[in-house]
Amino acid sequence: MTHTTDTDAPAIDRCEENLNRYLRFWNTSPDDEGAGQASDVFGEEVRYCAPVGVLAGRQALIGFRRQFVQHMGDVAFRARREPEIHHGHARLLWQLDVRGEQFATGTDVLAFDRDGRIGTVTTFLDEAPEGFDPHAHA
């Protein structure tokens, strides 16, 4: 096995900072467009792959967040444990609470660009919401 150094990977502190911003992004009220915050967190062409579908671009992700929060009401998105970060990637285990009750848990795998912005998010549901049918969204 050859050991190499990944000089294209962003600084780990920049990744940590954007993971915190990522959590805040999902907790923003639907009245806040989130465009300013999203431009700091996500690359312009961010790709978001989740069981409910695939989104491409920062504006699509902002719109999805706004619709979700408007539909669900009082939501809280939080880390279940400290995220793991290495070589420009992160694994975030999260919990989503709706109106104070656990709604779902999952794992996001994030890839950062050279500037430390999130370029891709792949979401897995560890514990899906009651009644969720993943085949309905395929």
C-alpha atoms as a PDB file:
ATOM      1  CA  MET A   1       0.000   0.000   0.000  1.00  0.00           C
ATOM      2  CA  THR A   2       1.340   3.409  -0.950  1.00  0.00           C
ATOM      3  CA  HIS A   3       0.862   6.306   1.416  1.00  0.00           C
ATOM      4  CA  THR A   4       0.024   9.617  -0.245  1.00  0.00           C
ATOM      5  CA  THR A   5      -0.948  13.042   0.989  1.00  0.00           C
ATOM      6  CA  ASP A   6      -4.153  14.555  -0.361  1.00  0.00           C
ATOM      7  CA  THR A   7      -3.140  18.157  -1.032  1.00  0.00           C
ATOM      8  CA  ASP A   8      -6.524  18.929  -2.623  1.00  0.00           C
ATOM      9  CA  ALA A   9      -8.460  18.202   0.571  1.00  0.00           C
ATOM     10  CA  PRO A  10      -9.696  21.298   2.416  1.00  0.00           C
ATOM     11  CA  ALA A  11      -8.459  22.106   5.901  1.00  0.00           C
ATOM     12  CA  ILE A  12     -10.259  20.073   8.549  1.00  0.00           C
ATOM     13  CA  ASP A  13     -11.240  23.192  10.513  1.00  0.00           C
ATOM     14  CA  ARG A  14     -13.019  24.575   7.415  1.00  0.00           C
ATOM     15  CA  CYS A  15     -14.908  21.273   7.090  1.00  0.00           C
ATOM     16  CA  GLU A  16     -15.868  21.355  10.780  1.00  0.00           C
ATOM     17  CA  GLU A  17     -17.072  24.940  10.413  1.00  0.00           C
ATOM     18  CA  ASN A  18     -19.231  24.025   7.427  1.00  0.00           C
ATOM     19  CA  LEU A  19     -20.657  20.980   9.200  1.00  0.00           C
ATOM     20  CA  ASN A  20     -21.874  23.327  11.941  1.00  0.00           C
ATOM     21  CA  ARG A  21     -23.304  25.652   9.278  1.00  0.00           C
ATOM     22  CA  TYR A  22     -24.933  22.621   7.611  1.00  0.00           C
ATOM     23  CA  LEU A  23     -26.786  21.822  10.839  1.00  0.00           C
ATOM     24  CA  ARG A  24     -27.844  25.480  11.186  1.00  0.00           C
ATOM     25  CA  PHE A  25     -29.032  25.502   7.549  1.00  0.00           C
ATOM     26  CA  TRP A  26     -31.522  22.700   8.252  1.00  0.00           C
ATOM     27  CA  ASN A  27     -32.711  24.474  11.406  1.00  0.00           C
ATOM     28  CA  THR A  28     -33.417  27.814   9.694  1.00  0.00           C
ATOM     29  CA  SER A  29     -37.013  29.015   9.701  1.00  0.00           C
ATOM     30  CA  PRO A  30     -38.905  28.750   6.379  1.00  0.00           C
ATOM     31  CA  ASP A  31     -39.256  32.547   6.271  1.00  0.00           C
ATOM     32  CA  ASP A  32     -35.479  32.877   5.948  1.00  0.00           C
ATOM     33  CA  GLU A  33     -34.442  32.164   2.366  1.00  0.00           C
ATOM     34  CA  GLY A  34     -31.094  30.875   3.580  1.00  0.00           C
ATOM     35  CA  ALA A  35     -29.360  31.953   0.356  1.00  0.00           C
ATOM     36  CA  GLY A  36     -26.555  33.812   2.126  1.00  0.00           C
ATOM     37  CA  GLN A  37     -25.974  31.002   4.560  1.00  0.00           C
ATOM     38  CA  ALA A  38     -26.234  28.361   1.828  1.00  0.00           C
ATOM     39  CA  SER A  39     -23.621  30.089  -0.329  1.00  0.00           C
ATOM     40  CA  ASP A  40     -21.133  29.761   2.531  1.00  0.00           C
ATOM     41  CA  VAL A  41     -21.977  26.097   3.139  1.00  0.00           C
ATOM     42  CA  PHE A  42     -22.643  24.590  -0.300  1.00  0.00           C
ATOM     43  CA  GLY A  43     -20.897  24.702  -3.636  1.00  0.00           C
ATOM     44  CA  GLU A  44     -23.107  26.237  -6.312  1.00  0.00           C
ATOM     45  CA  GLU A  45     -23.628  22.868  -8.010  1.00  0.00           C
ATOM     46  CA  VAL A  46     -24.165  20.867  -4.808  1.00  0.00           C
ATOM     47  CA  ARG A  47     -25.741  17.454  -5.376  1.00  0.00           C
ATOM     48  CA  TYR A  48     -28.086  16.132  -2.675  1.00  0.00           C
ATOM     49  CA  CYS A  49     -28.994  12.421  -2.938  1.00  0.00           C
ATOM     50  CA  ALA A  50     -31.613  11.162  -0.490  1.00  0.00           C
ATOM     51  CA  PRO A  51     -34.258   8.423  -0.417  1.00  0.00           C
ATOM     52  CA  VAL A  52     -36.845  11.065  -1.383  1.00  0.00           C
ATOM     53  CA  GLY A  53     -34.936  12.020  -4.541  1.00  0.00           C
ATOM     54  CA  VAL A  54     -31.941  13.828  -6.000  1.00  0.00           C
ATOM     55  CA  LEU A  55     -31.523  17.594  -6.015  1.00  0.00           C
ATOM     56  CA  ALA A  56     -28.957  19.510  -8.031  1.00  0.00           C
ATOM     57  CA  GLY A  57     -27.839  23.035  -7.208  1.00  0.00           C
ATOM     58  CA  ARG A  58     -27.896  25.315  -4.215  1.00  0.00           C
ATOM     59  CA  GLN A  59     -31.273  26.890  -5.044  1.00  0.00           C
ATOM     60  CA  ALA A  60     -32.963  23.472  -5.298  1.00  0.00           C
ATOM     61  CA  LEU A  61     -31.666  22.583  -1.845  1.00  0.00           C
ATOM     62  CA  ILE A  62     -32.853  25.899  -0.389  1.00  0.00           C
ATOM     63  CA  GLY A  63     -36.307  25.289  -1.872  1.00  0.00           C
ATOM     64  CA  PHE A  64     -36.439  21.728  -0.536  1.00  0.00           C
ATOM     65  CA  ARG A  65     -35.519  22.882   2.970  1.00  0.00           C
ATOM     66  CA  ARG A  66     -38.147  25.628   2.869  1.00  0.00           C
ATOM     67  CA  GLN A  67     -40.892  23.222   1.723  1.00  0.00           C
ATOM     68  CA  PHE A  68     -39.913  20.609   4.294  1.00  0.00           C
ATOM     69  CA  VAL A  69     -39.957  23.037   7.213  1.00  0.00           C
ATOM     70  CA  GLN A  70     -43.247  24.616   6.066  1.00  0.00           C
ATOM     71  CA  HIS A  71     -44.810  21.167   5.776  1.00  0.00           C
ATOM     72  CA  MET A  72     -43.444  19.709   9.025  1.00  0.00           C
ATOM     73  CA  GLY A  73     -43.601  22.728  11.313  1.00  0.00           C
ATOM     74  CA  ASP A  74     -41.307  22.864  14.332  1.00  0.00           C
ATOM     75  CA  VAL A  75     -38.248  20.770  13.390  1.00  0.00           C
ATOM     76  CA  ALA A  76     -34.823  20.297  14.955  1.00  0.00           C
ATOM     77  CA  PHE A  77     -31.978  18.675  13.030  1.00  0.00           C
ATOM     78  CA  ARG A  78     -29.026  17.704  15.218  1.00  0.00           C
ATOM     79  CA  ALA A  79     -25.970  15.491  15.318  1.00  0.00           C
ATOM     80  CA  ARG A  80     -26.316  12.253  17.300  1.00  0.00           C
ATOM     81  CA  ARG A  81     -22.572  12.191  17.894  1.00  0.00           C
ATOM     82  CA  GLU A  82     -19.459  14.089  16.865  1.00  0.00           C
ATOM     83  CA  PRO A  83     -19.072  13.964  13.052  1.00  0.00           C
ATOM     84  CA  GLU A  84     -16.097  12.112  11.588  1.00  0.00           C
ATOM     85  CA  ILE A  85     -13.987  14.012   9.043  1.00  0.00           C
ATOM     86  CA  HIS A  86     -11.084  12.882   6.900  1.00  0.00           C
ATOM     87  CA  HIS A  87      -9.625  13.526   3.428  1.00  0.00           C
ATOM     88  CA  GLY A  88     -12.320  16.005   2.419  1.00  0.00           C
ATOM     89  CA  HIS A  89     -15.245  13.808   3.509  1.00  0.00           C
ATOM     90  CA  ALA A  90     -17.449  13.630   6.576  1.00  0.00           C
ATOM     91  CA  ARG A  91     -19.929  11.243   8.125  1.00  0.00           C
ATOM     92  CA  LEU A  92     -22.683  12.860  10.140  1.00  0.00           C
ATOM     93  CA  LEU A  93     -25.100  10.765  12.168  1.00  0.00           C
ATOM     94  CA  TRP A  94     -28.203  12.885  12.727  1.00  0.00           C
ATOM     95  CA  GLN A  95     -31.615  12.922  14.352  1.00  0.00           C
ATOM     96  CA  LEU A  96     -34.609  14.872  13.166  1.00  0.00           C
ATOM     97  CA  ASP A  97     -37.198  15.865  15.770  1.00  0.00           C
ATOM     98  CA  VAL A  98     -40.596  17.183  14.743  1.00  0.00           C
ATOM     99  CA  ARG A  99     -42.665  19.047  17.333  1.00  0.00           C
ATOM    100  CA  GLY A 100     -40.328  17.721  20.047  1.00  0.00           C
ATOM    101  CA  GLU A 101     -40.639  14.036  19.060  1.00  0.00           C
ATOM    102  CA  GLN A 102     -38.076  11.924  17.224  1.00  0.00           C
ATOM    103  CA  PHE A 103     -39.169  11.700  13.593  1.00  0.00           C
ATOM    104  CA  ALA A 104     -36.217   9.982  11.896  1.00  0.00           C
ATOM    105  CA  THR A 105     -32.526   9.226  12.219  1.00  0.00           C
ATOM    106  CA  GLY A 106     -29.975   8.964   9.478  1.00  0.00           C
ATOM    107  CA  THR A 107     -26.445   9.271   8.238  1.00  0.00           C
ATOM    108  CA  ASP A 108     -25.173  11.890   5.808  1.00  0.00           C
ATOM    109  CA  VAL A 109     -21.955  11.372   3.906  1.00  0.00           C
ATOM    110  CA  LEU A 110     -20.630  14.730   2.734  1.00  0.00           C
ATOM    111  CA  ALA A 111     -17.854  15.525   0.280  1.00  0.00           C
ATOM    112  CA  PHE A 112     -16.179  18.923   0.452  1.00  0.00           C
ATOM    113  CA  ASP A 113     -14.684  20.873  -2.435  1.00  0.00           C
ATOM    114  CA  ARG A 114     -11.233  22.493  -2.271  1.00  0.00           C
ATOM    115  CA  ASP A 115     -12.684  25.551  -0.527  1.00  0.00           C
ATOM    116  CA  GLY A 116     -14.355  23.449   2.167  1.00  0.00           C
ATOM    117  CA  ARG A 117     -17.879  23.925   0.795  1.00  0.00           C
ATOM    118  CA  ILE A 118     -20.112  20.892   0.613  1.00  0.00           C
ATOM    119  CA  GLY A 119     -20.236  19.545  -2.948  1.00  0.00           C
ATOM    120  CA  THR A 120     -22.265  16.380  -2.402  1.00  0.00           C
ATOM    121  CA  VAL A 121     -24.521  15.022   0.310  1.00  0.00           C
ATOM    122  CA  THR A 122     -25.631  11.398   0.320  1.00  0.00           C
ATOM    123  CA  THR A 123     -28.326  10.731   2.896  1.00  0.00           C
ATOM    124  CA  PHE A 124     -29.213   7.336   4.334  1.00  0.00           C
ATOM    125  CA  LEU A 125     -32.148   6.739   6.670  1.00  0.00           C
ATOM    126  CA  ASP A 126     -31.134   4.683   9.690  1.00  0.00           C
ATOM    127  CA  GLU A 127     -34.628   4.860  11.149  1.00  0.00           C
ATOM    128  CA  ALA A 128     -37.251   6.053   8.671  1.00  0.00           C
ATOM    129  CA  PRO A 129     -40.335   8.034   9.647  1.00  0.00           C
ATOM    130  CA  GLU A 130     -43.381   5.936  10.430  1.00  0.00           C
ATOM    131  CA  GLY A 131     -45.149   4.989   7.207  1.00  0.00           C
ATOM    132  CA  PHE A 132     -42.273   6.040   4.946  1.00  0.00           C
ATOM    133  CA  ASP A 133     -42.087   3.969   1.755  1.00  0.00           C
ATOM    134  CA  PRO A 134     -38.659   4.319   0.101  1.00  0.00           C
ATOM    135  CA  HIS A 135     -39.981   2.657  -3.068  1.00  0.00           C
ATOM    136  CA  ALA A 136     -42.541   5.444  -3.528  1.00  0.00           C
ATOM    137  CA  HIS A 137     -39.681   7.853  -4.213  1.00  0.00           C
ATOM    138  CA  ALA A 138     -37.479   5.694  -6.460  1.00  0.00           C
END
